Amino acid sequence: MTDLFTLLPKAELHLHLEGAILPATAMDLAARNGVTLAAGARVETLYRYDDLAGFLAVYGAIARAVVSQDDFRRITFEMLASCAASGARHVEFFISPHAHPDVPFATQFAGIRAGIAQARAAYGLTALFAPGINREQGPAAAEAYLDACLALRCPEMAGIGLDYNEAPYPPEPFAAVFARARAAGLQITAHAGEGGPAAYVAGSLDALGVMRIDHGYAVVNDPDLVARCRAAGVLFTCCPSTTRFTTIWRDLTAPDHPIRRMKDAGLRVTINSDDPPFFGTTLAEEYRIAHRDLGFSLADIRASILTGLAGSWLPQADKDRLAGEWAQEIDALLQDHADGL
C-alpha cells in the first residue's frame, strides 16, 4: 500500500516553503548564517511544539536562517525533490517573504525560481508559488506586501494567500487587498477554519471572494455553510497530520474528525502535506493516513487526486490533458495493486 500511495500521480496544493525545510538543512543554514535557533536545538528535537503558536515560533526562527539567494534555491529544490519522491507531478506552495525581514524580496524570488527550474529539470514536475499574507500584521501591511510582490511578479507567482495565526484576525479586513489581487489577475486562497471558527470560512468566501480554502475544518460546525460550500464547489486543501498539532481534532481515527466529515458531506476535499518535516510526514504518507485512518476508500483517494488537479492553478488545457492521463494511470495502479488490498 505504501508503494501505491507513492506511485499515484498527485498535485500538492497546500505546502509552505519555510515549513518544508529539512531539520538538518535548518541547522546547517543557522550555523552558516550565524542564527541562533532554540537553546540546545538538535536535529531530532528541533521540530517540537504543542500548538499553532508554538509551531509558528519555530517556523519564524528557522525562516530567519535562510538569507542568501542560494539558500532559497536550496530549500526550494529540496522541498520539490521531496514532493517528487512522494509522487507529486505538480506543486503549488506558499512562501513567506516577510518572515525574512533582512532579505530583499527580489533575492528570495530569484532563489525560489532557480530552485523550481532545478527541480523541473531533475524531476519533470511543475511548480507555482503564492506569497502568503501574514494576517497578524494587519491590512495596511498587507497592501504594502502586495505592492512588493506585484512589482516582482513572474510566471511562477500564480496567486496570493492569507495565513498565520487565525484568531483573532478575521478575513474581512483584508477584503480590499484581495480585490486588488484579483484585479491584477492573481489566483486567491485563504487559510480559514483551522484555528478559527466557521465564520472565518464564510468570511473568506464573502469578503475575500476565494473559492479555495486552506484547511477549513471548522466548516463542519455550520451545516448551512457545508451545504453552501458543497453547492458552490468550494475546494478545501486539507492536511491530516497537521490537525494533530494545530487544531482541537487530534485523533485521526475519530468518527467525527472533520476531514472525514467533510468528505462524507460531499465537499471537494484534497489531501496535502502542509509542512511535512515539521509534522513528520510526506505527501504519500498523508494519502496513506487518509485511507487508513480517515475512511477514504481507494475510490475516494482517486477522486481527491483528480479534484486537486482540477482545482489547481494550471492552465485549463493542461488540466484537461493531465486529467485523462492521470485517471488512466491511477486506474492501472489500482488494478495492479488489487491483489494486495
Protein backbone atom coordinates (compact mmCIF):
# COMPACT_ATOMS: atom_id res chain seq x y z
CA MET A 1 0.00 0.00 0.00
CA THR A 2 2.84 2.40 0.80
CA ASP A 3 4.23 1.83 -2.68
CA LEU A 4 0.80 2.53 -4.17
CA PHE A 5 0.42 5.84 -2.37
CA THR A 6 3.90 6.84 -3.51
CA LEU A 7 3.32 5.86 -7.12
CA LEU A 8 -0.04 7.58 -7.58
CA PRO A 9 0.33 10.86 -9.53
CA LYS A 10 -0.65 13.82 -7.38
CA ALA A 11 -0.98 17.58 -7.16
CA GLU A 12 0.25 19.16 -3.91
CA LEU A 13 -1.77 22.34 -3.29
CA HIS A 14 -1.04 23.19 0.34
CA LEU A 15 2.65 23.36 1.16
CA HIS A 16 4.75 26.07 2.82
CA LEU A 17 8.31 26.60 1.66
CA GLU A 18 9.63 27.64 5.07
CA GLY A 19 7.71 24.78 6.68
CA ALA A 20 9.29 22.27 4.33
CA ILE A 21 12.89 22.98 5.37
CA LEU A 22 14.54 19.75 6.44
CA PRO A 23 15.79 19.90 10.04
CA ALA A 24 19.37 19.10 9.03
CA THR A 25 19.22 21.90 6.46
CA ALA A 26 17.82 24.30 9.06
CA MET A 27 20.66 23.51 11.44
CA ASP A 28 23.24 23.87 8.66
CA LEU A 29 21.90 27.21 7.45
CA ALA A 30 21.61 28.55 11.00
CA ALA A 31 25.23 27.67 11.73
CA ARG A 32 26.44 29.08 8.42
CA ASN A 33 24.48 32.32 8.74
CA GLY A 34 25.06 32.95 12.44
CA VAL A 35 21.44 32.50 13.51
CA THR A 36 20.60 31.06 16.93
CA LEU A 37 17.72 28.62 16.99
CA ALA A 38 16.17 27.26 20.18
CA ALA A 39 18.59 26.76 23.04
CA GLY A 40 20.21 23.34 22.76
CA ALA A 41 18.50 22.69 19.45
CA ARG A 42 19.29 19.35 17.81
CA VAL A 43 18.14 17.87 14.52
CA GLU A 44 15.97 15.26 16.21
CA THR A 45 14.25 17.72 18.59
CA LEU A 46 14.14 20.91 16.53
CA TYR A 47 10.55 20.48 15.35
CA ARG A 48 8.66 20.08 18.61
CA TYR A 49 5.64 22.17 19.70
CA ASP A 50 2.19 21.70 21.16
CA ASP A 51 0.00 24.15 19.25
CA LEU A 52 -0.17 26.55 16.33
CA ALA A 53 1.52 29.37 18.26
CA GLY A 54 4.43 27.12 19.21
CA PHE A 55 4.75 25.90 15.64
CA LEU A 56 4.82 29.46 14.29
CA ALA A 57 7.57 30.42 16.76
CA VAL A 58 9.81 27.62 15.49
CA TYR A 59 8.80 28.41 11.90
CA GLY A 60 9.84 32.04 12.34
CA ALA A 61 13.20 31.20 13.90
CA ILE A 62 14.09 28.81 11.11
CA ALA A 63 12.96 31.27 8.43
CA ARG A 64 15.50 33.79 9.74
CA ALA A 65 18.29 31.30 8.99
CA VAL A 66 17.56 31.49 5.24
CA VAL A 67 19.35 34.59 3.98
CA SER A 68 21.01 34.20 0.56
CA GLN A 69 19.69 33.59 -2.92
CA ASP A 70 21.35 30.19 -2.91
CA ASP A 71 19.73 29.37 0.44
CA PHE A 72 16.34 29.93 -1.17
CA ARG A 73 17.33 27.86 -4.20
CA ARG A 74 18.43 25.05 -1.92
CA ILE A 75 15.32 24.90 0.25
CA THR A 76 13.03 25.16 -2.79
CA PHE A 77 14.82 22.37 -4.63
CA GLU A 78 14.94 20.12 -1.55
CA MET A 79 11.23 20.68 -0.93
CA LEU A 80 10.29 19.84 -4.52
CA ALA A 81 12.61 16.83 -4.54
CA SER A 82 10.70 15.52 -1.51
CA CYS A 83 7.43 16.14 -3.33
CA ALA A 84 8.66 14.23 -6.37
CA ALA A 85 9.68 11.32 -4.13
CA SER A 86 6.04 11.18 -2.96
CA GLY A 87 4.66 11.11 -6.49
CA ALA A 88 3.82 14.79 -6.90
CA ARG A 89 3.69 15.93 -10.51
CA HIS A 90 2.51 19.48 -9.84
CA VAL A 91 3.12 21.60 -6.72
CA GLU A 92 1.63 24.89 -5.57
CA PHE A 93 3.33 26.27 -2.49
CA PHE A 94 3.19 29.26 -0.21
CA ILE A 95 6.14 31.49 0.57
CA SER A 96 6.55 33.94 3.47
CA PRO A 97 8.88 36.75 2.27
CA HIS A 98 8.03 38.85 5.34
CA ALA A 99 9.49 36.08 7.53
CA HIS A 100 12.93 37.05 6.19
CA PRO A 101 12.97 40.77 7.08
CA ASP A 102 16.62 41.33 6.17
CA VAL A 103 16.44 39.67 2.74
CA PRO A 104 15.11 41.65 -0.25
CA PHE A 105 12.10 40.10 -1.91
CA ALA A 106 14.00 40.10 -5.21
CA THR A 107 16.71 37.91 -3.72
CA GLN A 108 14.15 35.49 -2.35
CA PHE A 109 12.18 35.26 -5.59
CA ALA A 110 15.32 34.70 -7.66
CA GLY A 111 16.40 31.83 -5.45
CA ILE A 112 12.93 30.29 -5.44
CA ARG A 113 12.69 30.47 -9.22
CA ALA A 114 16.11 28.85 -9.54
CA GLY A 115 15.01 26.02 -7.26
CA ILE A 116 11.84 25.49 -9.30
CA ALA A 117 13.85 25.36 -12.53
CA GLN A 118 16.33 22.92 -11.00
CA ALA A 119 13.53 20.62 -9.79
CA ARG A 120 11.76 20.72 -13.11
CA ALA A 121 14.97 19.70 -14.89
CA ALA A 122 15.64 16.93 -12.38
CA TYR A 123 12.13 15.51 -11.90
CA GLY A 124 9.87 16.92 -14.60
CA LEU A 125 7.41 18.39 -12.11
CA THR A 126 5.79 21.79 -12.47
CA ALA A 127 5.52 24.29 -9.62
CA LEU A 128 3.85 27.61 -8.87
CA PHE A 129 4.04 29.72 -5.74
CA ALA A 130 1.84 32.12 -3.79
CA PRO A 131 3.12 34.68 -1.27
CA GLY A 132 1.15 34.35 1.95
CA ILE A 133 -0.13 37.46 3.72
CA ASN A 134 0.59 37.45 7.45
CA ARG A 135 -2.84 38.37 8.84
CA GLU A 136 -1.30 39.25 12.21
CA GLN A 137 0.36 42.32 10.65
CA GLY A 138 -2.94 43.85 9.54
CA PRO A 139 -4.40 45.13 6.26
CA ALA A 140 -2.10 48.14 5.81
CA ALA A 141 0.96 45.90 5.87
CA ALA A 142 -0.84 43.52 3.52
CA GLU A 143 -1.36 46.31 0.98
CA ALA A 144 2.35 47.16 1.02
CA TYR A 145 3.17 43.46 0.82
CA LEU A 146 1.00 43.01 -2.27
CA ASP A 147 2.69 46.02 -3.89
CA ALA A 148 6.12 44.47 -3.30
CA CYS A 149 5.02 41.12 -4.70
CA LEU A 150 3.36 42.61 -7.78
CA ALA A 151 6.49 44.62 -8.53
CA LEU A 152 8.38 41.32 -8.79
CA ARG A 153 5.65 39.31 -10.45
CA CYS A 154 6.91 36.40 -12.52
CA PRO A 155 5.22 33.47 -14.31
CA GLU A 156 5.77 31.17 -11.33
CA MET A 157 3.92 33.53 -8.95
CA ALA A 158 0.35 32.45 -9.65
CA GLY A 159 -1.57 33.64 -6.61
CA ILE A 160 -1.66 35.04 -3.12
CA GLY A 161 -2.88 33.60 0.18
CA LEU A 162 -3.84 34.58 3.73
CA ASP A 163 -2.19 32.72 6.58
CA TYR A 164 -0.54 32.79 10.01
CA ASN A 165 -2.45 32.66 13.31
CA GLU A 166 -6.18 32.95 12.65
CA ALA A 167 -7.69 34.12 15.92
CA PRO A 168 -8.37 36.95 16.49
CA TYR A 169 -7.63 38.01 12.90
CA PRO A 170 -10.77 37.51 10.76
CA PRO A 171 -10.58 37.76 6.97
CA GLU A 172 -12.90 40.73 6.42
CA PRO A 173 -10.29 43.49 6.97
CA PHE A 174 -8.32 42.09 4.02
CA ALA A 175 -11.16 42.46 1.50
CA ALA A 176 -9.58 45.42 -0.32
CA VAL A 177 -6.17 43.80 -0.75
CA PHE A 178 -7.76 40.63 -2.10
CA ALA A 179 -9.87 42.67 -4.51
CA ARG A 180 -6.67 44.27 -5.79
CA ALA A 181 -5.01 40.88 -6.13
CA ARG A 182 -7.96 39.56 -8.14
CA ALA A 183 -7.93 42.64 -10.35
CA ALA A 184 -4.24 42.05 -11.02
CA GLY A 185 -5.06 38.57 -12.26
CA LEU A 186 -3.74 36.63 -9.27
CA GLN A 187 -5.40 33.48 -8.02
CA ILE A 188 -6.52 33.71 -4.38
CA THR A 189 -6.87 31.38 -1.42
CA ALA A 190 -7.10 31.74 2.35
CA HIS A 191 -6.30 29.76 5.47
CA ALA A 192 -9.53 29.55 7.46
CA GLY A 193 -11.24 27.21 9.89
CA GLU A 194 -8.03 25.68 11.25
CA GLY A 195 -7.70 27.64 14.49
CA GLY A 196 -10.61 29.96 13.77
CA PRO A 197 -14.38 29.42 13.64
CA ALA A 198 -16.65 28.52 10.74
CA ALA A 199 -17.41 32.24 10.41
CA TYR A 200 -13.84 32.74 9.16
CA VAL A 201 -14.55 30.29 6.34
CA ALA A 202 -17.73 32.16 5.43
CA GLY A 203 -15.91 35.48 5.70
CA SER A 204 -13.20 34.27 3.36
CA LEU A 205 -15.82 33.37 0.77
CA ASP A 206 -17.85 36.55 1.17
CA ALA A 207 -15.27 39.26 1.85
CA LEU A 208 -12.25 37.89 0.01
CA GLY A 209 -14.01 36.14 -2.85
CA VAL A 210 -11.99 32.94 -2.56
CA MET A 211 -13.20 29.59 -3.81
CA ARG A 212 -10.27 27.72 -2.31
CA ILE A 213 -9.98 27.32 1.46
CA ASP A 214 -6.81 26.05 3.12
CA HIS A 215 -7.75 23.66 5.96
CA GLY A 216 -11.36 24.76 6.56
CA TYR A 217 -12.13 22.15 9.22
CA ALA A 218 -14.47 24.33 11.31
CA VAL A 219 -16.91 24.32 8.39
CA VAL A 220 -18.38 21.12 9.87
CA ASN A 221 -19.74 23.18 12.77
CA ASP A 222 -22.13 25.02 10.44
CA PRO A 223 -24.42 22.70 8.42
CA ASP A 224 -25.76 25.57 6.31
CA LEU A 225 -22.22 26.58 5.38
CA VAL A 226 -21.40 22.97 4.50
CA ALA A 227 -24.38 22.92 2.15
CA ARG A 228 -23.34 26.24 0.64
CA CYS A 229 -19.77 25.08 0.05
CA ARG A 230 -20.94 21.83 -1.47
CA ALA A 231 -23.30 23.62 -3.85
CA ALA A 232 -20.67 26.19 -4.84
CA GLY A 233 -17.89 23.63 -5.31
CA VAL A 234 -15.52 25.29 -2.83
CA LEU A 235 -12.17 23.48 -2.78
CA PHE A 236 -10.64 22.53 0.58
CA THR A 237 -6.91 21.79 0.82
CA CYS A 238 -6.80 19.53 3.88
CA CYS A 239 -3.69 18.33 5.72
CA PRO A 240 -4.37 15.33 8.00
CA SER A 241 -1.21 15.26 10.13
CA THR A 242 -1.34 18.98 10.84
CA THR A 243 -4.64 18.56 12.68
CA ARG A 244 -2.87 16.52 15.37
CA PHE A 245 -0.79 19.56 16.33
CA THR A 246 -2.62 22.77 15.46
CA THR A 247 -6.32 22.00 15.96
CA ILE A 248 -8.65 20.54 18.58
CA TRP A 249 -9.16 17.46 16.36
CA ARG A 250 -6.14 15.38 17.29
CA ASP A 251 -7.44 11.84 16.86
CA LEU A 252 -7.27 10.99 13.18
CA THR A 253 -9.27 7.81 13.71
CA ALA A 254 -12.19 9.56 15.43
CA PRO A 255 -15.52 9.18 13.61
CA ASP A 256 -16.12 12.92 13.98
CA HIS A 257 -12.77 14.05 12.61
CA PRO A 258 -13.61 16.99 10.33
CA ILE A 259 -11.75 15.75 7.25
CA ARG A 260 -13.77 12.52 7.38
CA ARG A 261 -16.97 14.53 7.88
CA MET A 262 -16.10 16.94 5.06
CA LYS A 263 -15.51 14.07 2.67
CA ASP A 264 -18.69 12.30 3.77
CA ALA A 265 -20.66 15.54 3.31
CA GLY A 266 -19.62 15.67 -0.34
CA LEU A 267 -17.25 18.63 -0.09
CA ARG A 268 -14.37 18.92 -2.56
CA VAL A 269 -11.56 17.69 -0.31
CA THR A 270 -7.93 17.34 -1.35
CA ILE A 271 -5.07 15.78 0.62
CA ASN A 272 -1.86 17.74 1.15
CA SER A 273 1.18 17.83 3.44
CA ASP A 274 1.38 21.47 4.67
CA ASP A 275 4.76 21.47 6.49
CA PRO A 276 5.92 17.86 6.09
CA PRO A 277 9.19 17.72 8.10
CA PHE A 278 7.63 19.87 10.83
CA PHE A 279 4.94 17.23 11.27
CA GLY A 280 6.99 14.13 10.48
CA THR A 281 5.16 13.25 7.29
CA THR A 282 5.27 13.22 3.47
CA LEU A 283 2.63 13.73 0.81
CA ALA A 284 2.44 9.97 0.19
CA GLU A 285 2.08 9.39 3.93
CA GLU A 286 -0.82 11.86 4.11
CA TYR A 287 -2.66 9.80 1.49
CA ARG A 288 -1.91 6.62 3.41
CA ILE A 289 -3.31 8.26 6.58
CA ALA A 290 -6.43 9.35 4.70
CA HIS A 291 -7.02 5.75 3.61
CA ARG A 292 -6.05 4.06 6.87
CA ASP A 293 -7.42 6.48 9.46
CA LEU A 294 -9.90 8.85 7.84
CA GLY A 295 -12.12 6.42 5.97
CA PHE A 296 -11.07 7.33 2.43
CA SER A 297 -11.72 4.39 0.12
CA LEU A 298 -9.44 3.97 -2.87
CA ALA A 299 -12.22 5.48 -4.96
CA ASP A 300 -12.16 8.48 -2.60
CA ILE A 301 -8.38 8.71 -2.98
CA ARG A 302 -8.75 8.71 -6.76
CA ALA A 303 -11.42 11.39 -6.58
CA SER A 304 -9.32 13.54 -4.23
CA ILE A 305 -6.31 13.39 -6.55
CA LEU A 306 -8.34 14.38 -9.60
CA THR A 307 -10.16 17.06 -7.60
CA GLY A 308 -6.80 18.53 -6.63
CA LEU A 309 -5.68 18.62 -10.24
CA ALA A 310 -8.95 20.24 -11.32
CA GLY A 311 -8.62 22.85 -8.55
CA SER A 312 -5.01 23.70 -9.35
CA TRP A 313 -3.87 26.95 -10.95
CA LEU A 314 -2.54 25.28 -14.08
CA PRO A 315 -3.94 26.43 -17.42
CA GLN A 316 -7.24 24.71 -18.19
CA ALA A 317 -5.86 23.00 -21.29
CA ASP A 318 -3.08 21.44 -19.22
CA LYS A 319 -5.56 20.30 -16.57
CA ASP A 320 -7.82 18.72 -19.17
CA ARG A 321 -4.92 16.83 -20.73
CA LEU A 322 -3.46 15.68 -17.41
CA ALA A 323 -6.85 14.62 -16.04
CA GLY A 324 -7.18 11.96 -18.72
CA GLU A 325 -3.58 10.83 -18.36
CA TRP A 326 -3.72 10.69 -14.58
CA ALA A 327 -7.06 8.88 -14.49
CA GLN A 328 -5.68 6.12 -16.73
CA GLU A 329 -2.50 5.87 -14.67
CA ILE A 330 -4.39 5.78 -11.37
CA ASP A 331 -6.79 3.12 -12.62
CA ALA A 332 -3.90 0.96 -13.84
CA LEU A 333 -2.09 1.32 -10.49
CA LEU A 334 -5.21 0.43 -8.54
CA GLN A 335 -5.72 -2.62 -10.73
CA ASP A 336 -2.08 -3.69 -10.36
CA HIS A 337 -2.34 -3.43 -6.56
CA ALA A 338 -5.78 -5.02 -6.29
CA ASP A 339 -4.43 -8.35 -5.05
CA GLY A 340 -2.64 -6.65 -2.15
CA LEU A 341 -5.64 -4.66 -0.93
